[in-house]
């Protein structure tokens, strides 16, 4: 499984765009939760784990799947997956 830093960046962009659309009072709890996920994606621990998974997948042959960060962002946004 390959997770890439570019996929994380892509997910963060998508989540940020979605957050900008959340303006209603009843949407603020969702916005807060999304911002928490974004914080996790930006954390040094997440980035280190991402790097570790990428190295292991490369050593053992690669199987391409949508990345975890992008899958989360698409799930939140309700976008169809490729």
PDB file of N, CA and C in Angstrom:
ATOM      1  N   UNK A   1       0.866  -1.176   0.000  1.00  0.00           N
ATOM      2  CA  UNK A   1       0.000   0.000   0.000  1.00  0.00           C
ATOM      3  C   UNK A   1       0.899   1.221   0.000  1.00  0.00           C
ATOM      4  N   UNK A   2       0.636   2.133  -0.872  1.00  0.00           N
ATOM      5  CA  UNK A   2       1.430   3.355  -0.938  1.00  0.00           C
ATOM      6  C   UNK A   2       0.582   4.530  -0.471  1.00  0.00           C
ATOM      7  N   UNK A   3       1.062   5.192   0.548  1.00  0.00           N
ATOM      8  CA  UNK A   3       0.474   6.447   0.999  1.00  0.00           C
ATOM      9  C   UNK A   3       1.522   7.488   0.694  1.00  0.00           C
ATOM     10  N   UNK A   4       1.132   8.597   0.174  1.00  0.00           N
ATOM     11  CA  UNK A   4       2.154   9.588  -0.145  1.00  0.00           C
ATOM     12  C   UNK A   4       1.867  10.907   0.540  1.00  0.00           C
ATOM     13  N   UNK A   5       2.926  11.671   0.673  1.00  0.00           N
ATOM     14  CA  UNK A   5       2.802  12.994   1.259  1.00  0.00           C
ATOM     15  C   UNK A   5       1.950  13.891   0.367  1.00  0.00           C
ATOM     16  N   UNK A   6       2.020  13.661  -0.952  1.00  0.00           N
ATOM     17  CA  UNK A   6       1.193  14.439  -1.871  1.00  0.00           C
ATOM     18  C   UNK A   6      -0.279  14.160  -1.655  1.00  0.00           C
ATOM     19  N   UNK A   7      -0.626  12.896  -1.350  1.00  0.00           N
ATOM     20  CA  UNK A   7      -2.016  12.558  -1.076  1.00  0.00           C
ATOM     21  C   UNK A   7      -2.498  13.257   0.193  1.00  0.00           C
ATOM     22  N   UNK A   8      -1.625  13.356   1.187  1.00  0.00           N
ATOM     23  CA  UNK A   8      -1.976  14.059   2.419  1.00  0.00           C
ATOM     24  C   UNK A   8      -2.232  15.527   2.116  1.00  0.00           C
ATOM     25  N   UNK A   9      -1.358  16.127   1.334  1.00  0.00           N
ATOM     26  CA  UNK A   9      -1.546  17.531   0.963  1.00  0.00           C
ATOM     27  C   UNK A   9      -2.851  17.725   0.201  1.00  0.00           C
ATOM     28  N   UNK A  10      -3.140  16.804  -0.700  1.00  0.00           N
ATOM     29  CA  UNK A  10      -4.380  16.867  -1.481  1.00  0.00           C
ATOM     30  C   UNK A  10      -5.604  16.760  -0.565  1.00  0.00           C
ATOM     31  N   UNK A  11      -5.530  15.851   0.396  1.00  0.00           N
ATOM     32  CA  UNK A  11      -6.633  15.688   1.348  1.00  0.00           C
ATOM     33  C   UNK A  11      -6.815  16.955   2.178  1.00  0.00           C
ATOM     34  N   UNK A  12      -5.710  17.544   2.617  1.00  0.00           N
ATOM     35  CA  UNK A  12      -5.791  18.772   3.407  1.00  0.00           C
ATOM     36  C   UNK A  12      -6.425  19.908   2.617  1.00  0.00           C
ATOM     37  N   UNK A  13      -6.078  20.029   1.345  1.00  0.00           N
ATOM     38  CA  UNK A  13      -6.675  21.065   0.491  1.00  0.00           C
ATOM     39  C   UNK A  13      -8.180  20.840   0.366  1.00  0.00           C
ATOM     40  N   UNK A  14      -8.577  19.590   0.117  1.00  0.00           N
ATOM     41  CA  UNK A  14      -9.999  19.279  -0.023  1.00  0.00           C
ATOM     42  C   UNK A  14     -10.761  19.557   1.272  1.00  0.00           C
ATOM     43  N   UNK A  15     -10.185  19.158   2.394  1.00  0.00           N
ATOM     44  CA  UNK A  15     -10.846  19.381   3.676  1.00  0.00           C
ATOM     45  C   UNK A  15     -10.943  20.873   3.999  1.00  0.00           C
ATOM     46  N   UNK A  16      -9.904  21.628   3.693  1.00  0.00           N
ATOM     47  CA  UNK A  16      -9.922  23.075   3.933  1.00  0.00           C
ATOM     48  C   UNK A  16     -11.007  23.742   3.087  1.00  0.00           C
ATOM     49  N   UNK A  17     -11.116  23.353   1.824  1.00  0.00           N
ATOM     50  CA  UNK A  17     -12.156  23.907   0.948  1.00  0.00           C
ATOM     51  C   UNK A  17     -13.540  23.582   1.495  1.00  0.00           C
ATOM     52  N   UNK A  18     -13.709  22.362   1.967  1.00  0.00           N
ATOM     53  CA  UNK A  18     -15.003  21.963   2.524  1.00  0.00           C
ATOM     54  C   UNK A  18     -15.318  22.759   3.791  1.00  0.00           C
ATOM     55  N   UNK A  19     -14.319  22.950   4.651  1.00  0.00           N
ATOM     56  CA  UNK A  19     -14.527  23.715   5.885  1.00  0.00           C
ATOM     57  C   UNK A  19     -14.996  25.140   5.602  1.00  0.00           C
ATOM     58  N   UNK A  20     -14.482  25.728   4.542  1.00  0.00           N
ATOM     59  CA  UNK A  20     -14.866  27.091   4.185  1.00  0.00           C
ATOM     60  C   UNK A  20     -16.353  27.191   3.861  1.00  0.00           C
ATOM     61  N   UNK A  21     -16.944  26.081   3.436  1.00  0.00           N
ATOM     62  CA  UNK A  21     -18.365  26.065   3.076  1.00  0.00           C
ATOM     63  C   UNK A  21     -19.269  25.856   4.284  1.00  0.00           C
ATOM     64  N   UNK A  22     -18.687  25.451   5.399  1.00  0.00           N
ATOM     65  CA  UNK A  22     -19.478  25.175   6.599  1.00  0.00           C
ATOM     66  C   UNK A  22     -19.653  26.455   7.400  1.00  0.00           C
ATOM     67  N   UNK A  23     -20.811  27.095   7.242  1.00  0.00           N
ATOM     68  CA  UNK A  23     -21.054  28.386   7.877  1.00  0.00           C
ATOM     69  C   UNK A  23     -22.246  28.365   8.837  1.00  0.00           C
ATOM     70  N   UNK A  24     -23.142  27.403   8.657  1.00  0.00           N
ATOM     71  CA  UNK A  24     -24.342  27.340   9.493  1.00  0.00           C
ATOM     72  C   UNK A  24     -23.973  26.906  10.910  1.00  0.00           C
ATOM     73  N   UNK A  25     -24.713  27.403  11.901  1.00  0.00           N
ATOM     74  CA  UNK A  25     -24.420  27.020  13.290  1.00  0.00           C
ATOM     75  C   UNK A  25     -24.420  25.506  13.508  1.00  0.00           C
ATOM     76  N   UNK A  26     -25.323  24.802  12.864  1.00  0.00           N
ATOM     77  CA  UNK A  26     -25.409  23.348  13.049  1.00  0.00           C
ATOM     78  C   UNK A  26     -24.252  22.603  12.382  1.00  0.00           C
ATOM     79  N   UNK A  27     -23.475  23.288  11.559  1.00  0.00           N
ATOM     80  CA  UNK A  27     -22.332  22.670  10.880  1.00  0.00           C
ATOM     81  C   UNK A  27     -21.011  22.886  11.618  1.00  0.00           C
ATOM     82  N   UNK A  28     -21.044  23.666  12.688  1.00  0.00           N
ATOM     83  CA  UNK A  28     -19.803  24.018  13.372  1.00  0.00           C
ATOM     84  C   UNK A  28     -19.154  22.835  14.090  1.00  0.00           C
ATOM     85  N   UNK A  29     -19.958  21.901  14.567  1.00  0.00           N
ATOM     86  CA  UNK A  29     -19.392  20.714  15.212  1.00  0.00           C
ATOM     87  C   UNK A  29     -18.636  19.865  14.177  1.00  0.00           C
ATOM     88  N   UNK A  30     -19.204  19.723  12.983  1.00  0.00           N
ATOM     89  CA  UNK A  30     -18.536  18.998  11.901  1.00  0.00           C
ATOM     90  C   UNK A  30     -17.247  19.716  11.503  1.00  0.00           C
ATOM     91  N   UNK A  31     -17.316  21.039  11.406  1.00  0.00           N
ATOM     92  CA  UNK A  31     -16.140  21.829  11.051  1.00  0.00           C
ATOM     93  C   UNK A  31     -15.022  21.617  12.078  1.00  0.00           C
ATOM     94  N   UNK A  32     -15.379  21.589  13.351  1.00  0.00           N
ATOM     95  CA  UNK A  32     -14.403  21.372  14.412  1.00  0.00           C
ATOM     96  C   UNK A  32     -13.763  19.986  14.283  1.00  0.00           C
ATOM     97  N   UNK A  33     -14.574  18.975  13.984  1.00  0.00           N
ATOM     98  CA  UNK A  33     -14.062  17.609  13.822  1.00  0.00           C
ATOM     99  C   UNK A  33     -13.122  17.511  12.621  1.00  0.00           C
ATOM    100  N   UNK A  34     -13.488  18.163  11.531  1.00  0.00           N
ATOM    101  CA  UNK A  34     -12.635  18.154  10.335  1.00  0.00           C
ATOM    102  C   UNK A  34     -11.308  18.841  10.624  1.00  0.00           C
ATOM    103  N   UNK A  35     -11.350  19.937  11.333  1.00  0.00           N
ATOM    104  CA  UNK A  35     -10.112  20.644  11.680  1.00  0.00           C
ATOM    105  C   UNK A  35      -9.217  19.761  12.567  1.00  0.00           C
ATOM    106  N   UNK A  36      -9.832  18.943  13.423  1.00  0.00           N
ATOM    107  CA  UNK A  36      -9.058  18.030  14.262  1.00  0.00           C
ATOM    108  C   UNK A  36      -8.357  16.981  13.388  1.00  0.00           C
ATOM    109  N   UNK A  37      -9.078  16.442  12.397  1.00  0.00           N
ATOM    110  CA  UNK A  37      -8.487  15.476  11.460  1.00  0.00           C
ATOM    111  C   UNK A  37      -7.347  16.136  10.690  1.00  0.00           C
ATOM    112  N   UNK A  38      -7.549  17.377  10.278  1.00  0.00           N
ATOM    113  CA  UNK A  38      -6.507  18.103   9.556  1.00  0.00           C
ATOM    114  C   UNK A  38      -5.260  18.257  10.430  1.00  0.00           C
ATOM    115  N   UNK A  39      -5.467  18.516  11.706  1.00  0.00           N
ATOM    116  CA  UNK A  39      -4.349  18.627  12.633  1.00  0.00           C
ATOM    117  C   UNK A  39      -3.575  17.323  12.738  1.00  0.00           C
ATOM    118  N   UNK A  40      -4.302  16.218  12.723  1.00  0.00           N
ATOM    119  CA  UNK A  40      -3.658  14.901  12.766  1.00  0.00           C
ATOM    120  C   UNK A  40      -2.826  14.692  11.512  1.00  0.00           C
ATOM    121  N   UNK A  41      -3.387  15.014  10.352  1.00  0.00           N
ATOM    122  CA  UNK A  41      -2.657  14.852   9.096  1.00  0.00           C
ATOM    123  C   UNK A  41      -1.378  15.688   9.079  1.00  0.00           C
ATOM    124  N   UNK A  42      -1.402  16.845   9.739  1.00  0.00           N
ATOM    125  CA  UNK A  42      -0.242  17.739   9.756  1.00  0.00           C
ATOM    126  C   UNK A  42       0.772  17.361  10.838  1.00  0.00           C
ATOM    127  N   UNK A  43       0.387  16.484  11.746  1.00  0.00           N
ATOM    128  CA  UNK A  43       1.262  16.165  12.876  1.00  0.00           C
ATOM    129  C   UNK A  43       2.520  15.422  12.444  1.00  0.00           C
ATOM    130  N   UNK A  44       3.566  15.610  13.213  1.00  0.00           N
ATOM    131  CA  UNK A  44       4.834  14.939  12.909  1.00  0.00           C
ATOM    132  C   UNK A  44       4.697  13.429  13.087  1.00  0.00           C
ATOM    133  N   UNK A  45       3.869  12.982  14.032  1.00  0.00           N
ATOM    134  CA  UNK A  45       3.661  11.544  14.218  1.00  0.00           C
ATOM    135  C   UNK A  45       3.015  10.930  12.979  1.00  0.00           C
ATOM    136  N   UNK A  46       1.972  11.553  12.464  1.00  0.00           N
ATOM    137  CA  UNK A  46       1.302  11.038  11.272  1.00  0.00           C
ATOM    138  C   UNK A  46       2.268  11.011  10.093  1.00  0.00           C
ATOM    139  N   UNK A  47       3.036  12.073   9.927  1.00  0.00           N
ATOM    140  CA  UNK A  47       3.987  12.144   8.816  1.00  0.00           C
ATOM    141  C   UNK A  47       5.054  11.057   8.942  1.00  0.00           C
ATOM    142  N   UNK A  48       5.499  10.795  10.171  1.00  0.00           N
ATOM    143  CA  UNK A  48       6.496   9.739  10.388  1.00  0.00           C
ATOM    144  C   UNK A  48       5.903   8.370  10.067  1.00  0.00           C
ATOM    145  N   UNK A  49       4.677   8.119  10.501  1.00  0.00           N
ATOM    146  CA  UNK A  49       4.017   6.847  10.194  1.00  0.00           C
ATOM    147  C   UNK A  49       3.810   6.698   8.694  1.00  0.00           C
ATOM    148  N   UNK A  50       3.432   7.768   8.062  1.00  0.00           N
ATOM    149  CA  UNK A  50       3.234   7.758   6.614  1.00  0.00           C
ATOM    150  C   UNK A  50       4.535   7.389   5.901  1.00  0.00           C
ATOM    151  N   UNK A  51       5.624   7.984   6.329  1.00  0.00           N
ATOM    152  CA  UNK A  51       6.924   7.665   5.749  1.00  0.00           C
ATOM    153  C   UNK A  51       7.306   6.212   5.972  1.00  0.00           C
ATOM    154  N   UNK A  52       7.001   5.693   7.158  1.00  0.00           N
ATOM    155  CA  UNK A  52       7.304   4.297   7.490  1.00  0.00           C
ATOM    156  C   UNK A  52       6.501   3.342   6.617  1.00  0.00           C
ATOM    157  N   UNK A  53       5.218   3.607   6.445  1.00  0.00           N
ATOM    158  CA  UNK A  53       4.371   2.755   5.604  1.00  0.00           C
ATOM    159  C   UNK A  53       4.855   2.775   4.159  1.00  0.00           C
ATOM    160  N   UNK A  54       5.234   3.952   3.690  1.00  0.00           N
ATOM    161  CA  UNK A  54       5.708   4.074   2.314  1.00  0.00           C
ATOM    162  C   UNK A  54       6.973   3.255   2.098  1.00  0.00           C
ATOM    163  N   UNK A  55       7.902   3.332   3.043  1.00  0.00           N
ATOM    164  CA  UNK A  55       9.151   2.569   2.934  1.00  0.00           C
ATOM    165  C   UNK A  55       8.887   1.064   2.939  1.00  0.00           C
ATOM    166  N   UNK A  56       8.006   0.612   3.846  1.00  0.00           N
ATOM    167  CA  UNK A  56       7.692  -0.816   3.929  1.00  0.00           C
ATOM    168  C   UNK A  56       7.013  -1.301   2.654  1.00  0.00           C
ATOM    169  N   UNK A  57       6.088  -0.535   2.140  1.00  0.00           N
ATOM    170  CA  UNK A  57       5.376  -0.931   0.920  1.00  0.00           C
ATOM    171  C   UNK A  57       6.325  -1.007  -0.259  1.00  0.00           C
ATOM    172  N   UNK A  58       7.256  -0.081  -0.323  1.00  0.00           N
ATOM    173  CA  UNK A  58       8.232  -0.075  -1.415  1.00  0.00           C
ATOM    174  C   UNK A  58       9.135  -1.301  -1.345  1.00  0.00           C
ATOM    175  N   UNK A  59       9.544  -1.669  -0.138  1.00  0.00           N
ATOM    176  CA  UNK A  59      10.406  -2.839   0.030  1.00  0.00           C
ATOM    177  C   UNK A  59       9.710  -4.138  -0.332  1.00  0.00           C
ATOM    178  N   UNK A  60       8.413  -4.225  -0.068  1.00  0.00           N
ATOM    179  CA  UNK A  60       7.666  -5.467  -0.266  1.00  0.00           C
ATOM    180  C   UNK A  60       6.874  -5.487  -1.572  1.00  0.00           C
ATOM    181  N   UNK A  61       7.147  -4.587  -2.458  1.00  0.00           N
ATOM    182  CA  UNK A  61       6.359  -4.475  -3.692  1.00  0.00           C
ATOM    183  C   UNK A  61       5.181  -3.566  -3.410  1.00  0.00           C
ATOM    184  N   UNK A  62       4.691  -2.930  -4.410  1.00  0.00           N
ATOM    185  CA  UNK A  62       3.629  -1.951  -4.181  1.00  0.00           C
ATOM    186  C   UNK A  62       2.301  -2.440  -4.721  1.00  0.00           C
ATOM    187  N   UNK A  63       1.298  -2.150  -3.964  1.00  0.00           N
ATOM    188  CA  UNK A  63      -0.083  -2.393  -4.380  1.00  0.00           C
ATOM    189  C   UNK A  63      -0.755  -1.037  -4.292  1.00  0.00           C
ATOM    190  N   UNK A  64      -1.298  -0.565  -5.374  1.00  0.00           N
ATOM    191  CA  UNK A  64      -1.881   0.770  -5.393  1.00  0.00           C
ATOM    192  C   UNK A  64      -3.327   0.767  -4.918  1.00  0.00           C
ATOM    193  N   UNK A  65      -3.592   1.549  -3.924  1.00  0.00           N
ATOM    194  CA  UNK A  65      -4.933   1.790  -3.409  1.00  0.00           C
ATOM    195  C   UNK A  65      -5.050   3.288  -3.206  1.00  0.00           C
ATOM    196  N   UNK A  66      -6.278   3.803  -3.154  1.00  0.00           N
ATOM    197  CA  UNK A  66      -6.401   5.225  -2.831  1.00  0.00           C
ATOM    198  C   UNK A  66      -5.764   5.460  -1.459  1.00  0.00           C
ATOM    199  N   UNK A  67      -5.119   6.555  -1.288  1.00  0.00           N
ATOM    200  CA  UNK A  67      -4.459   6.811  -0.021  1.00  0.00           C
ATOM    201  C   UNK A  67      -5.473   7.014   1.087  1.00  0.00           C
ATOM    202  N   UNK A  68      -5.054   6.714   2.298  1.00  0.00           N
ATOM    203  CA  UNK A  68      -5.913   6.907   3.457  1.00  0.00           C
ATOM    204  C   UNK A  68      -6.332   8.364   3.612  1.00  0.00           C
ATOM    205  N   UNK A  69      -5.403   9.329   3.567  1.00  0.00           N
ATOM    206  CA  UNK A  69      -5.824  10.720   3.722  1.00  0.00           C
ATOM    207  C   UNK A  69      -6.828  11.162   2.658  1.00  0.00           C
ATOM    208  N   UNK A  70      -6.576  10.811   1.413  1.00  0.00           N
ATOM    209  CA  UNK A  70      -7.500  11.208   0.343  1.00  0.00           C
ATOM    210  C   UNK A  70      -8.840  10.509   0.512  1.00  0.00           C
ATOM    211  N   UNK A  71      -8.821   9.237   0.928  1.00  0.00           N
ATOM    212  CA  UNK A  71     -10.072   8.495   1.133  1.00  0.00           C
ATOM    213  C   UNK A  71     -10.914   9.147   2.226  1.00  0.00           C
ATOM    214  N   UNK A  72     -10.260   9.599   3.296  1.00  0.00           N
ATOM    215  CA  UNK A  72     -10.984  10.284   4.380  1.00  0.00           C
ATOM    216  C   UNK A  72     -11.587  11.574   3.855  1.00  0.00           C
ATOM    217  N   UNK A  73     -10.802  12.347   3.125  1.00  0.00           N
ATOM    218  CA  UNK A  73     -11.299  13.618   2.599  1.00  0.00           C
ATOM    219  C   UNK A  73     -12.472  13.384   1.644  1.00  0.00           C
ATOM    220  N   UNK A  74     -12.329  12.426   0.748  1.00  0.00           N
ATOM    221  CA  UNK A  74     -13.420  12.141  -0.185  1.00  0.00           C
ATOM    222  C   UNK A  74     -14.658  11.655   0.565  1.00  0.00           C
ATOM    223  N   UNK A  75     -14.463  10.868   1.603  1.00  0.00           N
ATOM    224  CA  UNK A  75     -15.596  10.376   2.386  1.00  0.00           C
ATOM    225  C   UNK A  75     -16.340  11.528   3.049  1.00  0.00           C
ATOM    226  N   UNK A  76     -15.608  12.476   3.606  1.00  0.00           N
ATOM    227  CA  UNK A  76     -16.213  13.630   4.251  1.00  0.00           C
ATOM    228  C   UNK A  76     -16.945  14.490   3.225  1.00  0.00           C
ATOM    229  N   UNK A  77     -16.318  14.658   2.059  1.00  0.00           N
ATOM    230  CA  UNK A  77     -16.899  15.519   1.025  1.00  0.00           C
ATOM    231  C   UNK A  77     -17.985  14.836   0.220  1.00  0.00           C
ATOM    232  N   UNK A  78     -18.096  13.512   0.345  1.00  0.00           N
ATOM    233  CA  UNK A  78     -19.079  12.780  -0.428  1.00  0.00           C
ATOM    234  C   UNK A  78     -18.722  12.651  -1.881  1.00  0.00           C
ATOM    235  N   UNK A  79     -17.419  12.708  -2.201  1.00  0.00           N
ATOM    236  CA  UNK A  79     -16.955  12.590  -3.583  1.00  0.00           C
ATOM    237  C   UNK A  79     -16.840  11.129  -3.961  1.00  0.00           C
ATOM    238  N   UNK A  80     -17.130  10.793  -5.216  1.00  0.00           N
ATOM    239  CA  UNK A  80     -16.935   9.410  -5.653  1.00  0.00           C
ATOM    240  C   UNK A  80     -15.456   9.074  -5.698  1.00  0.00           C
ATOM    241  N   UNK A  81     -15.131   7.835  -5.370  1.00  0.00           N
ATOM    242  CA  UNK A  81     -13.747   7.372  -5.426  1.00  0.00           C
ATOM    243  C   UNK A  81     -13.478   6.821  -6.813  1.00  0.00           C
ATOM    244  N   UNK A  82     -12.226   6.981  -7.277  1.00  0.00           N
ATOM    245  CA  UNK A  82     -11.839   6.465  -8.600  1.00  0.00           C
ATOM    246  C   UNK A  82     -11.889   4.969  -8.622  1.00  0.00           C
TER     247      UNK A  82
END
